[in-house]
Amino acid sequence: MKLGIYKHFKGDYYKIISFALHSETEEVFAVYHKLDNPDKLWIRPLSMFNNVLEHNNEKIERFKFITNEQNKNIG
């Protein structure tokens, strides 16, 4: 997993800006925001961010890596 821009399976774009560790378990979390709303930060366990799910009878990535170019204009 790397910093950069990802496309959610529903179509929106998100940017992972950092990774964080849970203070008790040391589980790794992705710290990210919606590309068009950088003021609202989200965290999600990396295992959830990186998982594969079934959608319309096919297995797809929840978030698909697009680019690590920080100023890429997408959408």
PDB file of N, CA and C in Angstrom:
ATOM      1  N   MET A   1       0.854  -1.176   0.000  1.00  0.00           N
ATOM      2  CA  MET A   1       0.000   0.000   0.000  1.00  0.00           C
ATOM      3  C   MET A   1       0.894   1.231   0.000  1.00  0.00           C
ATOM      4  N   LYS A   2       0.502   2.233  -0.764  1.00  0.00           N
ATOM      5  CA  LYS A   2       1.318   3.442  -0.842  1.00  0.00           C
ATOM      6  C   LYS A   2       0.448   4.692  -0.850  1.00  0.00           C
ATOM      7  N   LEU A   3       1.077   5.809  -0.547  1.00  0.00           N
ATOM      8  CA  LEU A   3       0.398   7.093  -0.601  1.00  0.00           C
ATOM      9  C   LEU A   3      -0.002   7.366  -2.045  1.00  0.00           C
ATOM     10  N   GLY A   4      -1.091   8.083  -2.220  1.00  0.00           N
ATOM     11  CA  GLY A   4      -1.512   8.437  -3.563  1.00  0.00           C
ATOM     12  C   GLY A   4      -3.018   8.487  -3.690  1.00  0.00           C
ATOM     13  N   ILE A   5      -3.471   8.476  -4.925  1.00  0.00           N
ATOM     14  CA  ILE A   5      -4.880   8.624  -5.237  1.00  0.00           C
ATOM     15  C   ILE A   5      -5.455   7.257  -5.608  1.00  0.00           C
ATOM     16  N   TYR A   6      -6.630   6.992  -5.046  1.00  0.00           N
ATOM     17  CA  TYR A   6      -7.320   5.724  -5.248  1.00  0.00           C
ATOM     18  C   TYR A   6      -8.749   5.999  -5.700  1.00  0.00           C
ATOM     19  N   LYS A   7      -9.282   5.086  -6.492  1.00  0.00           N
ATOM     20  CA  LYS A   7     -10.678   5.181  -6.914  1.00  0.00           C
ATOM     21  C   LYS A   7     -11.484   4.152  -6.131  1.00  0.00           C
ATOM     22  N   HIS A   8     -12.531   4.631  -5.456  1.00  0.00           N
ATOM     23  CA  HIS A   8     -13.444   3.752  -4.726  1.00  0.00           C
ATOM     24  C   HIS A   8     -14.302   3.010  -5.744  1.00  0.00           C
ATOM     25  N   PHE A   9     -14.721   1.805  -5.418  1.00  0.00           N
ATOM     26  CA  PHE A   9     -15.478   1.009  -6.374  1.00  0.00           C
ATOM     27  C   PHE A   9     -16.799   1.663  -6.784  1.00  0.00           C
ATOM     28  N   LYS A  10     -17.286   2.629  -5.993  1.00  0.00           N
ATOM     29  CA  LYS A  10     -18.516   3.347  -6.354  1.00  0.00           C
ATOM     30  C   LYS A  10     -18.236   4.573  -7.226  1.00  0.00           C
ATOM     31  N   GLY A  11     -16.928   4.876  -7.471  1.00  0.00           N
ATOM     32  CA  GLY A  11     -16.597   5.924  -8.427  1.00  0.00           C
ATOM     33  C   GLY A  11     -15.891   7.155  -7.905  1.00  0.00           C
ATOM     34  N   ASP A  12     -15.971   7.440  -6.619  1.00  0.00           N
ATOM     35  CA  ASP A  12     -15.310   8.632  -6.083  1.00  0.00           C
ATOM     36  C   ASP A  12     -13.808   8.402  -5.944  1.00  0.00           C
ATOM     37  N   TYR A  13     -13.060   9.505  -5.915  1.00  0.00           N
ATOM     38  CA  TYR A  13     -11.602   9.443  -5.781  1.00  0.00           C
ATOM     39  C   TYR A  13     -11.183   9.910  -4.390  1.00  0.00           C
ATOM     40  N   TYR A  14     -10.213   9.213  -3.834  1.00  0.00           N
ATOM     41  CA  TYR A  14      -9.701   9.498  -2.501  1.00  0.00           C
ATOM     42  C   TYR A  14      -8.186   9.540  -2.528  1.00  0.00           C
ATOM     43  N   LYS A  15      -7.617  10.273  -1.589  1.00  0.00           N
ATOM     44  CA  LYS A  15      -6.164  10.400  -1.511  1.00  0.00           C
ATOM     45  C   LYS A  15      -5.691   9.948  -0.131  1.00  0.00           C
ATOM     46  N   ILE A  16      -4.844   8.912  -0.110  1.00  0.00           N
ATOM     47  CA  ILE A  16      -4.212   8.522   1.149  1.00  0.00           C
ATOM     48  C   ILE A  16      -3.082   9.511   1.397  1.00  0.00           C
ATOM     49  N   ILE A  17      -3.141  10.172   2.556  1.00  0.00           N
ATOM     50  CA  ILE A  17      -2.131  11.175   2.876  1.00  0.00           C
ATOM     51  C   ILE A  17      -1.129  10.691   3.905  1.00  0.00           C
ATOM     52  N   SER A  18      -1.493   9.615   4.630  1.00  0.00           N
ATOM     53  CA  SER A  18      -0.600   9.104   5.655  1.00  0.00           C
ATOM     54  C   SER A  18      -1.088   7.741   6.124  1.00  0.00           C
ATOM     55  N   PHE A  19      -0.273   7.128   6.965  1.00  0.00           N
ATOM     56  CA  PHE A  19      -0.639   5.901   7.643  1.00  0.00           C
ATOM     57  C   PHE A  19      -0.451   6.142   9.135  1.00  0.00           C
ATOM     58  N   ALA A  20      -1.279   5.500   9.954  1.00  0.00           N
ATOM     59  CA  ALA A  20      -1.205   5.681  11.408  1.00  0.00           C
ATOM     60  C   ALA A  20      -1.322   4.321  12.089  1.00  0.00           C
ATOM     61  N   LEU A  21      -0.772   4.253  13.293  1.00  0.00           N
ATOM     62  CA  LEU A  21      -0.836   3.026  14.079  1.00  0.00           C
ATOM     63  C   LEU A  21      -1.798   3.197  15.244  1.00  0.00           C
ATOM     64  N   HIS A  22      -2.601   2.190  15.491  1.00  0.00           N
ATOM     65  CA  HIS A  22      -3.471   2.174  16.671  1.00  0.00           C
ATOM     66  C   HIS A  22      -2.565   2.089  17.902  1.00  0.00           C
ATOM     67  N   SER A  23      -2.836   2.888  18.900  1.00  0.00           N
ATOM     68  CA  SER A  23      -1.947   2.973  20.069  1.00  0.00           C
ATOM     69  C   SER A  23      -1.915   1.700  20.908  1.00  0.00           C
ATOM     70  N   GLU A  24      -2.960   0.909  20.875  1.00  0.00           N
ATOM     71  CA  GLU A  24      -3.006  -0.306  21.683  1.00  0.00           C
ATOM     72  C   GLU A  24      -2.588  -1.554  20.904  1.00  0.00           C
ATOM     73  N   THR A  25      -3.074  -1.666  19.679  1.00  0.00           N
ATOM     74  CA  THR A  25      -2.874  -2.903  18.907  1.00  0.00           C
ATOM     75  C   THR A  25      -1.788  -2.789  17.838  1.00  0.00           C
ATOM     76  N   GLU A  26      -1.384  -1.568  17.530  1.00  0.00           N
ATOM     77  CA  GLU A  26      -0.449  -1.269  16.442  1.00  0.00           C
ATOM     78  C   GLU A  26      -0.988  -1.672  15.070  1.00  0.00           C
ATOM     79  N   GLU A  27      -2.315  -1.805  14.973  1.00  0.00           N
ATOM     80  CA  GLU A  27      -2.939  -2.036  13.664  1.00  0.00           C
ATOM     81  C   GLU A  27      -2.705  -0.797  12.809  1.00  0.00           C
ATOM     82  N   VAL A  28      -2.437  -1.001  11.517  1.00  0.00           N
ATOM     83  CA  VAL A  28      -2.155   0.102  10.600  1.00  0.00           C
ATOM     84  C   VAL A  28      -3.464   0.621  10.001  1.00  0.00           C
ATOM     85  N   PHE A  29      -3.592   1.947   9.996  1.00  0.00           N
ATOM     86  CA  PHE A  29      -4.758   2.613   9.423  1.00  0.00           C
ATOM     87  C   PHE A  29      -4.322   3.520   8.275  1.00  0.00           C
ATOM     88  N   ALA A  30      -5.169   3.634   7.259  1.00  0.00           N
ATOM     89  CA  ALA A  30      -4.979   4.613   6.192  1.00  0.00           C
ATOM     90  C   ALA A  30      -5.664   5.900   6.630  1.00  0.00           C
ATOM     91  N   VAL A  31      -4.984   7.021   6.455  1.00  0.00           N
ATOM     92  CA  VAL A  31      -5.553   8.341   6.719  1.00  0.00           C
ATOM     93  C   VAL A  31      -5.773   8.967   5.345  1.00  0.00           C
ATOM     94  N   TYR A  32      -7.028   9.309   5.049  1.00  0.00           N
ATOM     95  CA  TYR A  32      -7.333   9.739   3.684  1.00  0.00           C
ATOM     96  C   TYR A  32      -8.457  10.762   3.659  1.00  0.00           C
ATOM     97  N   HIS A  33      -8.650  11.360   2.490  1.00  0.00           N
ATOM     98  CA  HIS A  33      -9.760  12.288   2.285  1.00  0.00           C
ATOM     99  C   HIS A  33     -10.285  12.140   0.869  1.00  0.00           C
ATOM    100  N   LYS A  34     -11.521  12.551   0.701  1.00  0.00           N
ATOM    101  CA  LYS A  34     -12.116  12.585  -0.633  1.00  0.00           C
ATOM    102  C   LYS A  34     -11.365  13.655  -1.415  1.00  0.00           C
ATOM    103  N   LEU A  35     -11.047  13.370  -2.655  1.00  0.00           N
ATOM    104  CA  LEU A  35     -10.207  14.280  -3.428  1.00  0.00           C
ATOM    105  C   LEU A  35     -10.806  15.682  -3.520  1.00  0.00           C
ATOM    106  N   ASP A  36     -12.128  15.778  -3.614  1.00  0.00           N
ATOM    107  CA  ASP A  36     -12.751  17.098  -3.735  1.00  0.00           C
ATOM    108  C   ASP A  36     -13.162  17.700  -2.382  1.00  0.00           C
ATOM    109  N   ASN A  37     -12.743  17.065  -1.274  1.00  0.00           N
ATOM    110  CA  ASN A  37     -13.051  17.599   0.058  1.00  0.00           C
ATOM    111  C   ASN A  37     -11.900  17.295   1.018  1.00  0.00           C
ATOM    112  N   PRO A  38     -10.755  17.964   0.824  1.00  0.00           N
ATOM    113  CA  PRO A  38      -9.572  17.655   1.629  1.00  0.00           C
ATOM    114  C   PRO A  38      -9.669  18.064   3.103  1.00  0.00           C
ATOM    115  N   ASP A  39     -10.696  18.829   3.478  1.00  0.00           N
ATOM    116  CA  ASP A  39     -10.820  19.269   4.866  1.00  0.00           C
ATOM    117  C   ASP A  39     -11.412  18.208   5.784  1.00  0.00           C
ATOM    118  N   LYS A  40     -12.036  17.187   5.228  1.00  0.00           N
ATOM    119  CA  LYS A  40     -12.660  16.132   6.037  1.00  0.00           C
ATOM    120  C   LYS A  40     -11.813  14.867   5.927  1.00  0.00           C
ATOM    121  N   LEU A  41     -11.107  14.545   7.021  1.00  0.00           N
ATOM    122  CA  LEU A  41     -10.228  13.373   7.027  1.00  0.00           C
ATOM    123  C   LEU A  41     -10.962  12.143   7.531  1.00  0.00           C
ATOM    124  N   TRP A  42     -10.573  11.004   6.974  1.00  0.00           N
ATOM    125  CA  TRP A  42     -11.130   9.710   7.356  1.00  0.00           C
ATOM    126  C   TRP A  42      -9.993   8.774   7.701  1.00  0.00           C
ATOM    127  N   ILE A  43     -10.282   7.790   8.540  1.00  0.00           N
ATOM    128  CA  ILE A  43      -9.328   6.707   8.772  1.00  0.00           C
ATOM    129  C   ILE A  43     -10.060   5.387   8.586  1.00  0.00           C
ATOM    130  N   ARG A  44      -9.321   4.400   8.154  1.00  0.00           N
ATOM    131  CA  ARG A  44      -9.887   3.067   7.945  1.00  0.00           C
ATOM    132  C   ARG A  44      -8.759   2.075   8.137  1.00  0.00           C
ATOM    133  N   PRO A  45      -9.035   0.957   8.813  1.00  0.00           N
ATOM    134  CA  PRO A  45      -7.982  -0.054   8.918  1.00  0.00           C
ATOM    135  C   PRO A  45      -7.472  -0.424   7.520  1.00  0.00           C
ATOM    136  N   LEU A  46      -6.170  -0.524   7.398  1.00  0.00           N
ATOM    137  CA  LEU A  46      -5.582  -0.840   6.106  1.00  0.00           C
ATOM    138  C   LEU A  46      -6.147  -2.136   5.543  1.00  0.00           C
ATOM    139  N   SER A  47      -6.436  -3.084   6.413  1.00  0.00           N
ATOM    140  CA  SER A  47      -7.015  -4.346   5.963  1.00  0.00           C
ATOM    141  C   SER A  47      -8.374  -4.141   5.290  1.00  0.00           C
ATOM    142  N   MET A  48      -9.155  -3.171   5.747  1.00  0.00           N
ATOM    143  CA  MET A  48     -10.447  -2.860   5.118  1.00  0.00           C
ATOM    144  C   MET A  48     -10.250  -2.046   3.848  1.00  0.00           C
ATOM    145  N   PHE A  49      -9.322  -1.094   3.886  1.00  0.00           N
ATOM    146  CA  PHE A  49      -9.068  -0.246   2.722  1.00  0.00           C
ATOM    147  C   PHE A  49      -8.619  -1.099   1.548  1.00  0.00           C
ATOM    148  N   ASN A  50      -7.856  -2.118   1.863  1.00  0.00           N
ATOM    149  CA  ASN A  50      -7.191  -2.951   0.867  1.00  0.00           C
ATOM    150  C   ASN A  50      -7.982  -4.197   0.478  1.00  0.00           C
ATOM    151  N   ASN A  51      -9.194  -4.376   1.019  1.00  0.00           N
ATOM    152  CA  ASN A  51      -9.868  -5.654   0.800  1.00  0.00           C
ATOM    153  C   ASN A  51     -10.571  -5.753  -0.552  1.00  0.00           C
ATOM    154  N   VAL A  52     -10.916  -6.974  -0.886  1.00  0.00           N
ATOM    155  CA  VAL A  52     -11.651  -7.291  -2.109  1.00  0.00           C
ATOM    156  C   VAL A  52     -13.065  -7.646  -1.694  1.00  0.00           C
ATOM    157  N   LEU A  53     -14.046  -7.132  -2.433  1.00  0.00           N
ATOM    158  CA  LEU A  53     -15.427  -7.433  -2.116  1.00  0.00           C
ATOM    159  C   LEU A  53     -16.177  -7.848  -3.366  1.00  0.00           C
ATOM    160  N   GLU A  54     -17.362  -8.373  -3.160  1.00  0.00           N
ATOM    161  CA  GLU A  54     -18.175  -8.789  -4.289  1.00  0.00           C
ATOM    162  C   GLU A  54     -19.184  -7.699  -4.594  1.00  0.00           C
ATOM    163  N   HIS A  55     -19.222  -7.293  -5.864  1.00  0.00           N
ATOM    164  CA  HIS A  55     -20.135  -6.242  -6.310  1.00  0.00           C
ATOM    165  C   HIS A  55     -20.628  -6.634  -7.703  1.00  0.00           C
ATOM    166  N   ASN A  56     -21.943  -6.688  -7.871  1.00  0.00           N
ATOM    167  CA  ASN A  56     -22.532  -7.113  -9.146  1.00  0.00           C
ATOM    168  C   ASN A  56     -21.977  -8.457  -9.606  1.00  0.00           C
ATOM    169  N   ASN A  57     -21.896  -9.383  -8.677  1.00  0.00           N
ATOM    170  CA  ASN A  57     -21.443 -10.754  -8.945  1.00  0.00           C
ATOM    171  C   ASN A  57     -20.009 -10.865  -9.442  1.00  0.00           C
ATOM    172  N   GLU A  58     -19.183  -9.883  -9.117  1.00  0.00           N
ATOM    173  CA  GLU A  58     -17.762  -9.994  -9.431  1.00  0.00           C
ATOM    174  C   GLU A  58     -16.936  -9.485  -8.270  1.00  0.00           C
ATOM    175  N   LYS A  59     -15.725  -9.997  -8.158  1.00  0.00           N
ATOM    176  CA  LYS A  59     -14.825  -9.578  -7.082  1.00  0.00           C
ATOM    177  C   LYS A  59     -14.027  -8.374  -7.559  1.00  0.00           C
ATOM    178  N   ILE A  60     -14.075  -7.322  -6.734  1.00  0.00           N
ATOM    179  CA  ILE A  60     -13.376  -6.082  -7.077  1.00  0.00           C
ATOM    180  C   ILE A  60     -12.681  -5.532  -5.840  1.00  0.00           C
ATOM    181  N   GLU A  61     -11.686  -4.698  -6.073  1.00  0.00           N
ATOM    182  CA  GLU A  61     -10.997  -4.014  -4.979  1.00  0.00           C
ATOM    183  C   GLU A  61     -11.893  -2.883  -4.471  1.00  0.00           C
ATOM    184  N   ARG A  62     -11.945  -2.703  -3.150  1.00  0.00           N
ATOM    185  CA  ARG A  62     -12.714  -1.590  -2.584  1.00  0.00           C
ATOM    186  C   ARG A  62     -12.132  -0.260  -3.077  1.00  0.00           C
ATOM    187  N   PHE A  63     -10.809  -0.135  -3.013  1.00  0.00           N
ATOM    188  CA  PHE A  63     -10.097   1.042  -3.511  1.00  0.00           C
ATOM    189  C   PHE A  63      -9.027   0.571  -4.486  1.00  0.00           C
ATOM    190  N   LYS A  64      -9.001   1.152  -5.664  1.00  0.00           N
ATOM    191  CA  LYS A  64      -8.001   0.777  -6.670  1.00  0.00           C
ATOM    192  C   LYS A  64      -6.999   1.918  -6.827  1.00  0.00           C
ATOM    193  N   PHE A  65      -5.720   1.576  -6.737  1.00  0.00           N
ATOM    194  CA  PHE A  65      -4.667   2.584  -6.869  1.00  0.00           C
ATOM    195  C   PHE A  65      -4.699   3.199  -8.266  1.00  0.00           C
ATOM    196  N   ILE A  66      -4.613   4.523  -8.334  1.00  0.00           N
ATOM    197  CA  ILE A  66      -4.618   5.240  -9.607  1.00  0.00           C
ATOM    198  C   ILE A  66      -3.248   5.858  -9.890  1.00  0.00           C
ATOM    199  N   THR A  67      -2.763   6.691  -8.973  1.00  0.00           N
ATOM    200  CA  THR A  67      -1.494   7.383  -9.190  1.00  0.00           C
ATOM    201  C   THR A  67      -0.925   7.878  -7.866  1.00  0.00           C
ATOM    202  N   ASN A  68       0.380   8.068  -7.841  1.00  0.00           N
ATOM    203  CA  ASN A  68       0.990   8.698  -6.670  1.00  0.00           C
ATOM    204  C   ASN A  68       1.348  10.150  -6.956  1.00  0.00           C
ATOM    205  N   GLU A  69       0.951  10.652  -8.125  1.00  0.00           N
ATOM    206  CA  GLU A  69       1.168  12.071  -8.453  1.00  0.00           C
ATOM    207  C   GLU A  69       0.250  12.899  -7.572  1.00  0.00           C
ATOM    208  N   GLN A  70       0.830  13.713  -6.720  1.00  0.00           N
ATOM    209  CA  GLN A  70       0.080  14.426  -5.698  1.00  0.00           C
ATOM    210  C   GLN A  70      -0.851  15.500  -6.235  1.00  0.00           C
ATOM    211  N   ASN A  71      -0.555  16.101  -7.386  1.00  0.00           N
ATOM    212  CA  ASN A  71      -1.381  17.187  -7.890  1.00  0.00           C
ATOM    213  C   ASN A  71      -2.142  16.800  -9.148  1.00  0.00           C
ATOM    214  N   LYS A  72      -2.350  15.521  -9.337  1.00  0.00           N
ATOM    215  CA  LYS A  72      -3.055  15.024 -10.519  1.00  0.00           C
ATOM    216  C   LYS A  72      -4.516  15.471 -10.480  1.00  0.00           C
ATOM    217  N   ASN A  73      -5.012  16.016 -11.584  1.00  0.00           N
ATOM    218  CA  ASN A  73      -6.400  16.427 -11.685  1.00  0.00           C
ATOM    219  C   ASN A  73      -7.216  15.254 -12.224  1.00  0.00           C
ATOM    220  N   ILE A  74      -8.064  14.687 -11.389  1.00  0.00           N
ATOM    221  CA  ILE A  74      -8.835  13.500 -11.745  1.00  0.00           C
ATOM    222  C   ILE A  74     -10.320  13.802 -11.598  1.00  0.00           C
ATOM    223  N   GLY A  75     -11.096  13.183 -12.445  1.00  0.00           N
ATOM    224  CA  GLY A  75     -12.549  13.281 -12.301  1.00  0.00           C
ATOM    225  C   GLY A  75     -13.141  14.184 -13.244  1.00  0.00           C
TER     226      GLY A  75
END
